PDB file of N, CA and C in Angstrom:
ATOM      1  N   MET A   1      37.832-265.245 -32.096  1.00  0.00           N
ATOM      2  CA  MET A   1      38.768-265.507 -33.170  1.00  0.00           C
ATOM      3  C   MET A   1      40.162-265.132 -32.706  1.00  0.00           C
ATOM      4  N   SER A   2      41.090-266.026 -32.872  1.00  0.00           N
ATOM      5  CA  SER A   2      42.451-265.700 -32.442  1.00  0.00           C
ATOM      6  C   SER A   2      43.286-265.300 -33.643  1.00  0.00           C
ATOM      7  N   ARG A   3      44.281-264.501 -33.393  1.00  0.00           N
ATOM      8  CA  ARG A   3      45.141-264.037 -34.483  1.00  0.00           C
ATOM      9  C   ARG A   3      45.980-265.156 -35.067  1.00  0.00           C
ATOM     10  N   GLY A   4      46.199-266.222 -34.307  1.00  0.00           N
ATOM     11  CA  GLY A   4      47.028-267.313 -34.781  1.00  0.00           C
ATOM     12  C   GLY A   4      46.362-268.176 -35.837  1.00  0.00           C
ATOM     13  N   SER A   5      45.054-268.100 -35.951  1.00  0.00           N
ATOM     14  CA  SER A   5      44.361-268.950 -36.908  1.00  0.00           C
ATOM     15  C   SER A   5      44.066-268.175 -38.180  1.00  0.00           C
ATOM     16  N   SER A   6      43.983-268.926 -39.287  1.00  0.00           N
ATOM     17  CA  SER A   6      43.652-268.265 -40.541  1.00  0.00           C
ATOM     18  C   SER A   6      42.135-268.081 -40.606  1.00  0.00           C
ATOM     19  N   VAL A   7      41.717-267.206 -41.468  1.00  0.00           N
ATOM     20  CA  VAL A   7      40.292-266.928 -41.651  1.00  0.00           C
ATOM     21  C   VAL A   7      39.894-267.359 -43.052  1.00  0.00           C
ATOM     22  N   SER A   8      38.606-267.576 -43.259  1.00  0.00           N
ATOM     23  CA  SER A   8      38.133-267.945 -44.594  1.00  0.00           C
ATOM     24  C   SER A   8      38.339-266.762 -45.544  1.00  0.00           C
ATOM     25  N   GLU A   9      38.337-267.079 -46.823  1.00  0.00           N
ATOM     26  CA  GLU A   9      38.506-266.028 -47.822  1.00  0.00           C
ATOM     27  C   GLU A   9      37.350-265.024 -47.743  1.00  0.00           C
ATOM     28  N   GLN A  10      36.142-265.515 -47.500  1.00  0.00           N
ATOM     29  CA  GLN A  10      34.991-264.623 -47.376  1.00  0.00           C
ATOM     30  C   GLN A  10      35.176-263.669 -46.193  1.00  0.00           C
ATOM     31  N   THR A  11      35.572-264.207 -45.057  1.00  0.00           N
ATOM     32  CA  THR A  11      35.789-263.378 -43.868  1.00  0.00           C
ATOM     33  C   THR A  11      36.897-262.378 -44.107  1.00  0.00           C
ATOM     34  N   TYR A  12      37.955-262.817 -44.748  1.00  0.00           N
ATOM     35  CA  TYR A  12      39.081-261.938 -45.061  1.00  0.00           C
ATOM     36  C   TYR A  12      38.598-260.722 -45.856  1.00  0.00           C
ATOM     37  N   PHE A  13      37.794-260.957 -46.883  1.00  0.00           N
ATOM     38  CA  PHE A  13      37.344-259.850 -47.724  1.00  0.00           C
ATOM     39  C   PHE A  13      36.300-258.977 -47.033  1.00  0.00           C
ATOM     40  N   VAL A  14      35.480-259.553 -46.162  1.00  0.00           N
ATOM     41  CA  VAL A  14      34.537-258.735 -45.385  1.00  0.00           C
ATOM     42  C   VAL A  14      35.329-257.786 -44.487  1.00  0.00           C
ATOM     43  N   LEU A  15      36.331-258.309 -43.788  1.00  0.00           N
ATOM     44  CA  LEU A  15      37.146-257.456 -42.912  1.00  0.00           C
ATOM     45  C   LEU A  15      37.920-256.421 -43.728  1.00  0.00           C
ATOM     46  N   ALA A  16      38.454-256.845 -44.864  1.00  0.00           N
ATOM     47  CA  ALA A  16      39.191-255.909 -45.724  1.00  0.00           C
ATOM     48  C   ALA A  16      38.278-254.786 -46.214  1.00  0.00           C
ATOM     49  N   ALA A  17      37.028-255.111 -46.499  1.00  0.00           N
ATOM     50  CA  ALA A  17      36.069-254.103 -46.962  1.00  0.00           C
ATOM     51  C   ALA A  17      35.852-253.022 -45.911  1.00  0.00           C
ATOM     52  N   LEU A  18      35.973-253.397 -44.651  1.00  0.00           N
ATOM     53  CA  LEU A  18      35.715-252.446 -43.562  1.00  0.00           C
ATOM     54  C   LEU A  18      36.949-251.650 -43.148  1.00  0.00           C
ATOM     55  N   LEU A  19      38.095-251.927 -43.737  1.00  0.00           N
ATOM     56  CA  LEU A  19      39.316-251.200 -43.363  1.00  0.00           C
ATOM     57  C   LEU A  19      39.236-249.710 -43.672  1.00  0.00           C
ATOM     58  N   ASP A  20      38.476-249.339 -44.695  1.00  0.00           N
ATOM     59  CA  ASP A  20      38.384-247.926 -45.087  1.00  0.00           C
ATOM     60  C   ASP A  20      37.315-247.157 -44.328  1.00  0.00           C
ATOM     61  N   GLY A  21      36.565-247.844 -43.475  1.00  0.00           N
ATOM     62  CA  GLY A  21      35.536-247.164 -42.691  1.00  0.00           C
ATOM     63  C   GLY A  21      34.257-247.961 -42.638  1.00  0.00           C
ATOM     64  N   PRO A  22      33.322-247.524 -41.805  1.00  0.00           N
ATOM     65  CA  PRO A  22      32.067-248.245 -41.616  1.00  0.00           C
ATOM     66  C   PRO A  22      31.245-248.346 -42.898  1.00  0.00           C
ATOM     67  N   LEU A  23      30.598-249.493 -43.071  1.00  0.00           N
ATOM     68  CA  LEU A  23      29.735-249.731 -44.222  1.00  0.00           C
ATOM     69  C   LEU A  23      28.486-250.477 -43.770  1.00  0.00           C
ATOM     70  N   HIS A  24      27.387-250.319 -44.514  1.00  0.00           N
ATOM     71  CA  HIS A  24      26.192-251.109 -44.266  1.00  0.00           C
ATOM     72  C   HIS A  24      26.261-252.361 -45.137  1.00  0.00           C
ATOM     73  N   GLY A  25      25.365-253.299 -44.871  1.00  0.00           N
ATOM     74  CA  GLY A  25      25.418-254.607 -45.514  1.00  0.00           C
ATOM     75  C   GLY A  25      25.531-254.592 -47.020  1.00  0.00           C
ATOM     76  N   HIS A  26      24.660-253.859 -47.703  1.00  0.00           N
ATOM     77  CA  HIS A  26      24.703-253.839 -49.172  1.00  0.00           C
ATOM     78  C   HIS A  26      26.035-253.279 -49.670  1.00  0.00           C
ATOM     79  N   ALA A  27      26.547-252.259 -49.005  1.00  0.00           N
ATOM     80  CA  ALA A  27      27.840-251.687 -49.408  1.00  0.00           C
ATOM     81  C   ALA A  27      28.972-252.685 -49.170  1.00  0.00           C
ATOM     82  N   ILE A  28      28.866-253.491 -48.111  1.00  0.00           N
ATOM     83  CA  ILE A  28      29.875-254.526 -47.861  1.00  0.00           C
ATOM     84  C   ILE A  28      29.840-255.550 -48.996  1.00  0.00           C
ATOM     85  N   LEU A  29      28.649-255.977 -49.400  1.00  0.00           N
ATOM     86  CA  LEU A  29      28.524-256.930 -50.511  1.00  0.00           C
ATOM     87  C   LEU A  29      29.222-256.403 -51.765  1.00  0.00           C
ATOM     88  N   LYS A  30      28.957-255.148 -52.103  1.00  0.00           N
ATOM     89  CA  LYS A  30      29.563-254.545 -53.292  1.00  0.00           C
ATOM     90  C   LYS A  30      31.070-254.433 -53.160  1.00  0.00           C
ATOM     91  N   ARG A  31      31.531-254.012 -51.981  1.00  0.00           N
ATOM     92  CA  ARG A  31      32.978-253.817 -51.770  1.00  0.00           C
ATOM     93  C   ARG A  31      33.721-255.149 -51.801  1.00  0.00           C
ATOM     94  N   VAL A  32      33.143-256.191 -51.222  1.00  0.00           N
ATOM     95  CA  VAL A  32      33.766-257.520 -51.262  1.00  0.00           C
ATOM     96  C   VAL A  32      33.910-257.981 -52.711  1.00  0.00           C
ATOM     97  N   ALA A  33      32.881-257.807 -53.510  1.00  0.00           N
ATOM     98  CA  ALA A  33      32.946-258.197 -54.920  1.00  0.00           C
ATOM     99  C   ALA A  33      34.035-257.410 -55.646  1.00  0.00           C
ATOM    100  N   GLU A  34      34.135-256.122 -55.356  1.00  0.00           N
ATOM    101  CA  GLU A  34      35.172-255.287 -55.987  1.00  0.00           C
ATOM    102  C   GLU A  34      36.569-255.729 -55.564  1.00  0.00           C
ATOM    103  N   LEU A  35      36.768-255.855 -54.251  1.00  0.00           N
ATOM    104  CA  LEU A  35      38.103-256.199 -53.748  1.00  0.00           C
ATOM    105  C   LEU A  35      38.565-257.577 -54.209  1.00  0.00           C
ATOM    106  N   SER A  36      37.630-258.504 -54.351  1.00  0.00           N
ATOM    107  CA  SER A  36      37.982-259.863 -54.767  1.00  0.00           C
ATOM    108  C   SER A  36      37.951-260.008 -56.287  1.00  0.00           C
ATOM    109  N   GLN A  37      37.743-258.931 -56.983  1.00  0.00           N
ATOM    110  CA  GLN A  37      37.650-258.910 -58.444  1.00  0.00           C
ATOM    111  C   GLN A  37      36.594-259.895 -58.943  1.00  0.00           C
ATOM    112  N   GLY A  38      35.474-259.926 -58.207  1.00  0.00           N
ATOM    113  CA  GLY A  38      34.340-260.736 -58.601  1.00  0.00           C
ATOM    114  C   GLY A  38      34.409-262.202 -58.188  1.00  0.00           C
ATOM    115  N   ARG A  39      35.469-262.618 -57.516  1.00  0.00           N
ATOM    116  CA  ARG A  39      35.586-264.014 -57.084  1.00  0.00           C
ATOM    117  C   ARG A  39      34.635-264.338 -55.931  1.00  0.00           C
ATOM    118  N   ILE A  40      34.406-263.360 -55.052  1.00  0.00           N
ATOM    119  CA  ILE A  40      33.554-263.576 -53.888  1.00  0.00           C
ATOM    120  C   ILE A  40      32.268-262.777 -54.074  1.00  0.00           C
ATOM    121  N   ILE A  41      31.181-263.489 -54.287  1.00  0.00           N
ATOM    122  CA  ILE A  41      29.858-262.881 -54.382  1.00  0.00           C
ATOM    123  C   ILE A  41      29.037-263.502 -53.251  1.00  0.00           C
ATOM    124  N   LEU A  42      28.805-262.719 -52.224  1.00  0.00           N
ATOM    125  CA  LEU A  42      28.116-263.223 -51.043  1.00  0.00           C
ATOM    126  C   LEU A  42      26.610-263.083 -51.162  1.00  0.00           C
ATOM    127  N   ALA A  43      25.904-264.115 -50.747  1.00  0.00           N
ATOM    128  CA  ALA A  43      24.449-264.019 -50.610  1.00  0.00           C
ATOM    129  C   ALA A  43      24.169-263.190 -49.362  1.00  0.00           C
ATOM    130  N   VAL A  44      23.052-262.510 -49.342  1.00  0.00           N
ATOM    131  CA  VAL A  44      22.703-261.649 -48.212  1.00  0.00           C
ATOM    132  C   VAL A  44      22.693-262.437 -46.904  1.00  0.00           C
ATOM    133  N   GLY A  45      22.076-263.618 -46.916  1.00  0.00           N
ATOM    134  CA  GLY A  45      22.019-264.440 -45.707  1.00  0.00           C
ATOM    135  C   GLY A  45      23.393-264.860 -45.228  1.00  0.00           C
ATOM    136  N   THR A  46      24.262-265.196 -46.150  1.00  0.00           N
ATOM    137  CA  THR A  46      25.635-265.570 -45.815  1.00  0.00           C
ATOM    138  C   THR A  46      26.361-264.397 -45.180  1.00  0.00           C
ATOM    139  N   LEU A  47      26.197-263.209 -45.762  1.00  0.00           N
ATOM    140  CA  LEU A  47      26.848-262.023 -45.225  1.00  0.00           C
ATOM    141  C   LEU A  47      26.390-261.745 -43.801  1.00  0.00           C
ATOM    142  N   TYR A  48      25.074-261.735 -43.578  1.00  0.00           N
ATOM    143  CA  TYR A  48      24.593-261.382 -42.234  1.00  0.00           C
ATOM    144  C   TYR A  48      24.942-262.440 -41.197  1.00  0.00           C
ATOM    145  N   GLY A  49      25.021-263.701 -41.603  1.00  0.00           N
ATOM    146  CA  GLY A  49      25.502-264.739 -40.698  1.00  0.00           C
ATOM    147  C   GLY A  49      26.951-264.483 -40.310  1.00  0.00           C
ATOM    148  N   ALA A  50      27.769-264.118 -41.314  1.00  0.00           N
ATOM    149  CA  ALA A  50      29.182-263.813 -41.062  1.00  0.00           C
ATOM    150  C   ALA A  50      29.321-262.572 -40.186  1.00  0.00           C
ATOM    151  N   LEU A  51      28.520-261.547 -40.463  1.00  0.00           N
ATOM    152  CA  LEU A  51      28.594-260.318 -39.658  1.00  0.00           C
ATOM    153  C   LEU A  51      28.221-260.593 -38.205  1.00  0.00           C
ATOM    154  N   ASP A  52      27.211-261.415 -37.992  1.00  0.00           N
ATOM    155  CA  ASP A  52      26.825-261.773 -36.622  1.00  0.00           C
ATOM    156  C   ASP A  52      27.956-262.511 -35.909  1.00  0.00           C
ATOM    157  N   ARG A  53      28.594-263.455 -36.605  1.00  0.00           N
ATOM    158  CA  ARG A  53      29.725-264.197 -36.006  1.00  0.00           C
ATOM    159  C   ARG A  53      30.894-263.266 -35.708  1.00  0.00           C
ATOM    160  N   LEU A  54      31.207-262.390 -36.653  1.00  0.00           N
ATOM    161  CA  LEU A  54      32.332-261.472 -36.466  1.00  0.00           C
ATOM    162  C   LEU A  54      32.054-260.499 -35.323  1.00  0.00           C
ATOM    163  N   ALA A  55      30.823-260.032 -35.219  1.00  0.00           N
ATOM    164  CA  ALA A  55      30.468-259.137 -34.108  1.00  0.00           C
ATOM    165  C   ALA A  55      30.543-259.894 -32.782  1.00  0.00           C
ATOM    166  N   GLY A  56      30.090-261.142 -32.790  1.00  0.00           N
ATOM    167  CA  GLY A  56      30.142-261.955 -31.585  1.00  0.00           C
ATOM    168  C   GLY A  56      31.554-262.226 -31.103  1.00  0.00           C
ATOM    169  N   SER A  57      32.493-262.255 -32.042  1.00  0.00           N
ATOM    170  CA  SER A  57      33.889-262.500 -31.662  1.00  0.00           C
ATOM    171  C   SER A  57      34.661-261.204 -31.427  1.00  0.00           C
ATOM    172  N   GLY A  58      33.998-260.065 -31.600  1.00  0.00           N
ATOM    173  CA  GLY A  58      34.622-258.786 -31.270  1.00  0.00           C
ATOM    174  C   GLY A  58      35.512-258.183 -32.340  1.00  0.00           C
ATOM    175  N   VAL A  59      35.474-258.725 -33.567  1.00  0.00           N
ATOM    176  CA  VAL A  59      36.331-258.158 -34.609  1.00  0.00           C
ATOM    177  C   VAL A  59      35.644-257.064 -35.419  1.00  0.00           C
ATOM    178  N   ILE A  60      34.311-256.980 -35.293  1.00  0.00           N
ATOM    179  CA  ILE A  60      33.563-255.846 -35.838  1.00  0.00           C
ATOM    180  C   ILE A  60      32.518-255.452 -34.807  1.00  0.00           C
ATOM    181  N   VAL A  61      31.998-254.243 -34.943  1.00  0.00           N
ATOM    182  CA  VAL A  61      30.905-253.770 -34.090  1.00  0.00           C
ATOM    183  C   VAL A  61      29.912-253.013 -34.958  1.00  0.00           C
ATOM    184  N   VAL A  62      28.671-252.936 -34.474  1.00  0.00           N
ATOM    185  CA  VAL A  62      27.682-252.084 -35.127  1.00  0.00           C
ATOM    186  C   VAL A  62      27.959-250.669 -34.649  1.00  0.00           C
ATOM    187  N   GLU A  63      28.313-249.807 -35.572  1.00  0.00           N
ATOM    188  CA  GLU A  63      28.637-248.427 -35.209  1.00  0.00           C
ATOM    189  C   GLU A  63      27.383-247.594 -35.021  1.00  0.00           C
ATOM    190  N   ARG A  64      26.417-247.798 -35.930  1.00  0.00           N
ATOM    191  CA  ARG A  64      25.177-247.028 -35.828  1.00  0.00           C
ATOM    192  C   ARG A  64      24.104-247.717 -36.654  1.00  0.00           C
ATOM    193  N   GLU A  65      22.872-247.328 -36.402  1.00  0.00           N
ATOM    194  CA  GLU A  65      21.730-247.811 -37.170  1.00  0.00           C
ATOM    195  C   GLU A  65      20.920-246.610 -37.621  1.00  0.00           C
ATOM    196  N   GLU A  66      20.318-246.730 -38.786  1.00  0.00           N
ATOM    197  CA  GLU A  66      19.422-245.688 -39.267  1.00  0.00           C
ATOM    198  C   GLU A  66      18.315-246.350 -40.058  1.00  0.00           C
ATOM    199  N   VAL A  67      17.231-245.642 -40.239  1.00  0.00           N
ATOM    200  CA  VAL A  67      16.114-246.169 -41.019  1.00  0.00           C
ATOM    201  C   VAL A  67      16.136-245.476 -42.382  1.00  0.00           C
ATOM    202  N   VAL A  68      16.164-246.290 -43.438  1.00  0.00           N
ATOM    203  CA  VAL A  68      16.168-245.791 -44.807  1.00  0.00           C
ATOM    204  C   VAL A  68      15.029-246.476 -45.548  1.00  0.00           C
ATOM    205  N   ASN A  69      14.114-245.678 -46.079  1.00  0.00           N
ATOM    206  CA  ASN A  69      12.940-246.214 -46.780  1.00  0.00           C
ATOM    207  C   ASN A  69      12.190-247.232 -45.925  1.00  0.00           C
ATOM    208  N   GLY A  70      12.080-246.950 -44.643  1.00  0.00           N
ATOM    209  CA  GLY A  70      11.334-247.807 -43.736  1.00  0.00           C
ATOM    210  C   GLY A  70      12.070-249.055 -43.273  1.00  0.00           C
ATOM    211  N   ARG A  71      13.319-249.211 -43.684  1.00  0.00           N
ATOM    212  CA  ARG A  71      14.091-250.395 -43.314  1.00  0.00           C
ATOM    213  C   ARG A  71      15.299-249.988 -42.476  1.00  0.00           C
ATOM    214  N   LYS A  72      15.577-250.799 -41.479  1.00  0.00           N
ATOM    215  CA  LYS A  72      16.721-250.515 -40.618  1.00  0.00           C
ATOM    216  C   LYS A  72      18.023-250.867 -41.354  1.00  0.00           C
ATOM    217  N   ARG A  73      18.964-249.948 -41.299  1.00  0.00           N
ATOM    218  CA  ARG A  73      20.272-250.154 -41.922  1.00  0.00           C
ATOM    219  C   ARG A  73      21.324-250.060 -40.821  1.00  0.00           C
ATOM    220  N   ARG A  74      22.108-251.132 -40.676  1.00  0.00           N
ATOM    221  CA  ARG A  74      23.184-251.142 -39.680  1.00  0.00           C
ATOM    222  C   ARG A  74      24.521-250.924 -40.364  1.00  0.00           C
ATOM    223  N   TYR A  75      25.317-250.056 -39.774  1.00  0.00           N
ATOM    224  CA  TYR A  75      26.663-249.793 -40.259  1.00  0.00           C
ATOM    225  C   TYR A  75      27.652-250.512 -39.355  1.00  0.00           C
ATOM    226  N   PHE A  76      28.539-251.279 -39.968  1.00  0.00           N
ATOM    227  CA  PHE A  76      29.517-252.068 -39.232  1.00  0.00           C
ATOM    228  C   PHE A  76      30.893-251.422 -39.337  1.00  0.00           C
ATOM    229  N   ARG A  77      31.647-251.524 -38.243  1.00  0.00           N
ATOM    230  CA  ARG A  77      33.004-250.971 -38.182  1.00  0.00           C
ATOM    231  C   ARG A  77      33.944-252.066 -37.689  1.00  0.00           C
ATOM    232  N   ILE A  78      35.110-252.141 -38.287  1.00  0.00           N
ATOM    233  CA  ILE A  78      36.123-253.096 -37.846  1.00  0.00           C
ATOM    234  C   ILE A  78      36.755-252.573 -36.559  1.00  0.00           C
ATOM    235  N   THR A  79      37.045-253.471 -35.640  1.00  0.00           N
ATOM    236  CA  THR A  79      37.691-253.085 -34.384  1.00  0.00           C
ATOM    237  C   THR A  79      39.210-253.191 -34.541  1.00  0.00           C
ATOM    238  N   GLU A  80      39.920-252.744 -33.532  1.00  0.00           N
ATOM    239  CA  GLU A  80      41.376-252.875 -33.540  1.00  0.00           C
ATOM    240  C   GLU A  80      41.766-254.352 -33.645  1.00  0.00           C
ATOM    241  N   GLU A  81      41.046-255.193 -32.921  1.00  0.00           N
ATOM    242  CA  GLU A  81      41.317-256.636 -32.987  1.00  0.00           C
ATOM    243  C   GLU A  81      41.074-257.172 -34.401  1.00  0.00           C
ATOM    244  N   GLY A  82      40.001-256.738 -35.025  1.00  0.00           N
ATOM    245  CA  GLY A  82      39.697-257.167 -36.383  1.00  0.00           C
ATOM    246  C   GLY A  82      40.734-256.698 -37.381  1.00  0.00           C
ATOM    247  N   SER A  83      41.181-255.465 -37.216  1.00  0.00           N
ATOM    248  CA  SER A  83      42.223-254.935 -38.092  1.00  0.00           C
ATOM    249  C   SER A  83      43.508-255.746 -37.946  1.00  0.00           C
ATOM    250  N   GLY A  84      43.861-256.073 -36.714  1.00  0.00           N
ATOM    251  CA  GLY A  84      45.044-256.897 -36.470  1.00  0.00           C
ATOM    252  C   GLY A  84      44.895-258.273 -37.086  1.00  0.00           C
ATOM    253  N   LEU A  85      43.695-258.839 -37.000  1.00  0.00           N
ATOM    254  CA  LEU A  85      43.430-260.167 -37.550  1.00  0.00           C
ATOM    255  C   LEU A  85      43.592-260.175 -39.060  1.00  0.00           C
ATOM    256  N   VAL A  86      42.996-259.204 -39.751  1.00  0.00           N
ATOM    257  CA  VAL A  86      43.072-259.194 -41.211  1.00  0.00           C
ATOM    258  C   VAL A  86      44.497-258.868 -41.679  1.00  0.00           C
ATOM    259  N   GLN A  87      45.207-258.033 -40.941  1.00  0.00           N
ATOM    260  CA  GLN A  87      46.599-257.742 -41.293  1.00  0.00           C
ATOM    261  C   GLN A  87      47.487-258.975 -41.092  1.00  0.00           C
ATOM    262  N   ALA A  88      47.257-259.711 -40.010  1.00  0.00           N
ATOM    263  CA  ALA A  88      48.022-260.935 -39.758  1.00  0.00           C
ATOM    264  C   ALA A  88      47.738-261.971 -40.840  1.00  0.00           C
ATOM    265  N   GLU A  89      46.483-262.057 -41.277  1.00  0.00           N
ATOM    266  CA  GLU A  89      46.126-262.999 -42.340  1.00  0.00           C
ATOM    267  C   GLU A  89      46.775-262.604 -43.659  1.00  0.00           C
ATOM    268  N   ALA A  90      46.824-261.314 -43.951  1.00  0.00           N
ATOM    269  CA  ALA A  90      47.482-260.851 -45.176  1.00  0.00           C
ATOM    270  C   ALA A  90      48.965-261.218 -45.140  1.00  0.00           C
ATOM    271  N   LYS A  91      49.585-261.032 -44.000  1.00  0.00           N
ATOM    272  CA  LYS A  91      51.009-261.385 -43.862  1.00  0.00           C
ATOM    273  C   LYS A  91      51.209-262.889 -44.011  1.00  0.00           C
ATOM    274  N   ARG A  92      50.332-263.690 -43.404  1.00  0.00           N
ATOM    275  CA  ARG A  92      50.423-265.147 -43.506  1.00  0.00           C
ATOM    276  C   ARG A  92      50.311-265.593 -44.963  1.00  0.00           C
ATOM    277  N   MET A  93      49.351-265.018 -45.691  1.00  0.00           N
ATOM    278  CA  MET A  93      49.167-265.384 -47.092  1.00  0.00           C
ATOM    279  C   MET A  93      50.367-264.955 -47.937  1.00  0.00           C
ATOM    280  N   GLN A  94      50.897-263.777 -47.638  1.00  0.00           N
ATOM    281  CA  GLN A  94      52.066-263.293 -48.371  1.00  0.00           C
ATOM    282  C   GLN A  94      53.260-264.219 -48.148  1.00  0.00           C
ATOM    283  N   GLU A  95      53.472-264.631 -46.901  1.00  0.00           N
ATOM    284  CA  GLU A  95      54.572-265.547 -46.595  1.00  0.00           C
ATOM    285  C   GLU A  95      54.367-266.897 -47.269  1.00  0.00           C
ATOM    286  N   ALA A  96      53.135-267.391 -47.276  1.00  0.00           N
ATOM    287  CA  ALA A  96      52.837-268.667 -47.925  1.00  0.00           C
ATOM    288  C   ALA A  96      53.070-268.567 -49.432  1.00  0.00           C
ATOM    289  N   ALA A  97      52.652-267.472 -50.039  1.00  0.00           N
ATOM    290  CA  ALA A  97      52.848-267.295 -51.480  1.00  0.00           C
ATOM    291  C   ALA A  97      54.324-267.195 -51.819  1.00  0.00           C
ATOM    292  N   SER A  98      55.110-266.605 -50.946  1.00  0.00           N
ATOM    293  CA  SER A  98      56.536-266.443 -51.237  1.00  0.00           C
ATOM    294  C   SER A  98      57.261-267.784 -51.295  1.00  0.00           C
ATOM    295  N   VAL A  99      56.739-268.802 -50.632  1.00  0.00           N
ATOM    296  CA  VAL A  99      57.343-270.137 -50.707  1.00  0.00           C
ATOM    297  C   VAL A  99      57.341-270.620 -52.152  1.00  0.00           C
ATOM    298  N   VAL A 100      56.256-270.377 -52.850  1.00  0.00           N
ATOM    299  CA  VAL A 100      56.154-270.808 -54.240  1.00  0.00           C
ATOM    300  C   VAL A 100      56.882-269.842 -55.160  1.00  0.00           C
ATOM    301  N   THR A 101      56.682-268.551 -54.977  1.00  0.00           N
ATOM    302  CA  THR A 101      57.278-267.593 -55.910  1.00  0.00           C
ATOM    303  C   THR A 101      58.804-267.610 -55.840  1.00  0.00           C
ATOM    304  N   ARG A 102      59.362-267.831 -54.658  1.00  0.00           N
ATOM    305  CA  ARG A 102      60.827-267.925 -54.557  1.00  0.00           C
ATOM    306  C   ARG A 102      61.354-269.154 -55.298  1.00  0.00           C
ATOM    307  N   ARG A 103      60.611-270.228 -55.246  1.00  0.00           N
ATOM    308  CA  ARG A 103      61.049-271.474 -55.862  1.00  0.00           C
ATOM    309  C   ARG A 103      60.876-271.468 -57.370  1.00  0.00           C
ATOM    310  N   THR A 104      59.921-270.709 -57.864  1.00  0.00           N
ATOM    311  CA  THR A 104      59.649-270.714 -59.289  1.00  0.00           C
ATOM    312  C   THR A 104      60.227-269.492 -60.003  1.00  0.00           C
ATOM    313  N   LEU A 105      60.818-268.576 -59.243  1.00  0.00           N
ATOM    314  CA  LEU A 105      61.392-267.379 -59.847  1.00  0.00           C
ATOM    315  C   LEU A 105      62.470-267.805 -60.851  1.00  0.00           C
ATOM    316  N   GLY A 106      62.313-267.394 -62.060  1.00  0.00           N
ATOM    317  CA  GLY A 106      63.292-267.723 -63.083  1.00  0.00           C
ATOM    318  C   GLY A 106      63.051-269.070 -63.732  1.00  0.00           C
ATOM    319  N   ALA A 107      62.105-269.838 -63.211  1.00  0.00           N
ATOM    320  CA  ALA A 107      61.816-271.138 -63.815  1.00  0.00           C
ATOM    321  C   ALA A 107      61.039-270.912 -65.119  1.00  0.00           C
ATOM    322  N   THR A 108      61.283-271.751 -66.063  1.00  0.00           N
ATOM    323  CA  THR A 108      60.581-271.661 -67.340  1.00  0.00           C
ATOM    324  C   THR A 108      59.519-272.737 -67.381  1.00  0.00           C
ATOM    325  N   PHE A 109      58.310-272.342 -67.705  1.00  0.00           N
ATOM    326  CA  PHE A 109      57.205-273.289 -67.789  1.00  0.00           C
ATOM    327  C   PHE A 109      56.819-273.459 -69.249  1.00  0.00           C
ATOM    328  N   SER A 110      56.531-274.686 -69.627  1.00  0.00           N
ATOM    329  CA  SER A 110      56.117-274.919 -71.009  1.00  0.00           C
ATOM    330  C   SER A 110      54.656-275.190 -71.104  1.00  0.00           C
TER     331      SER A 110
END
């Protein structure tokens, strides 16, 4: 993944969820829903597909694994590259939004 390209909204929120520290899959699902104010509700399969792609591109890594109730739980951590990517995307979106907000500032809508 290059910093010059935009990321999907789902990917953006997955990376944003990991900015505060490592999380396991279920916690990522909950955090994405919270951060997106319920707009992004990921299916488990969708999340793990995204996590595999993000790990493959080096923007997240598996920090550790543990067994909980007989099931393996992987904790994912955002890398420096991933942090840079999500920050660049936030800046890109902010700049794009400012094109509209500057033009409509003070405009009256009926």
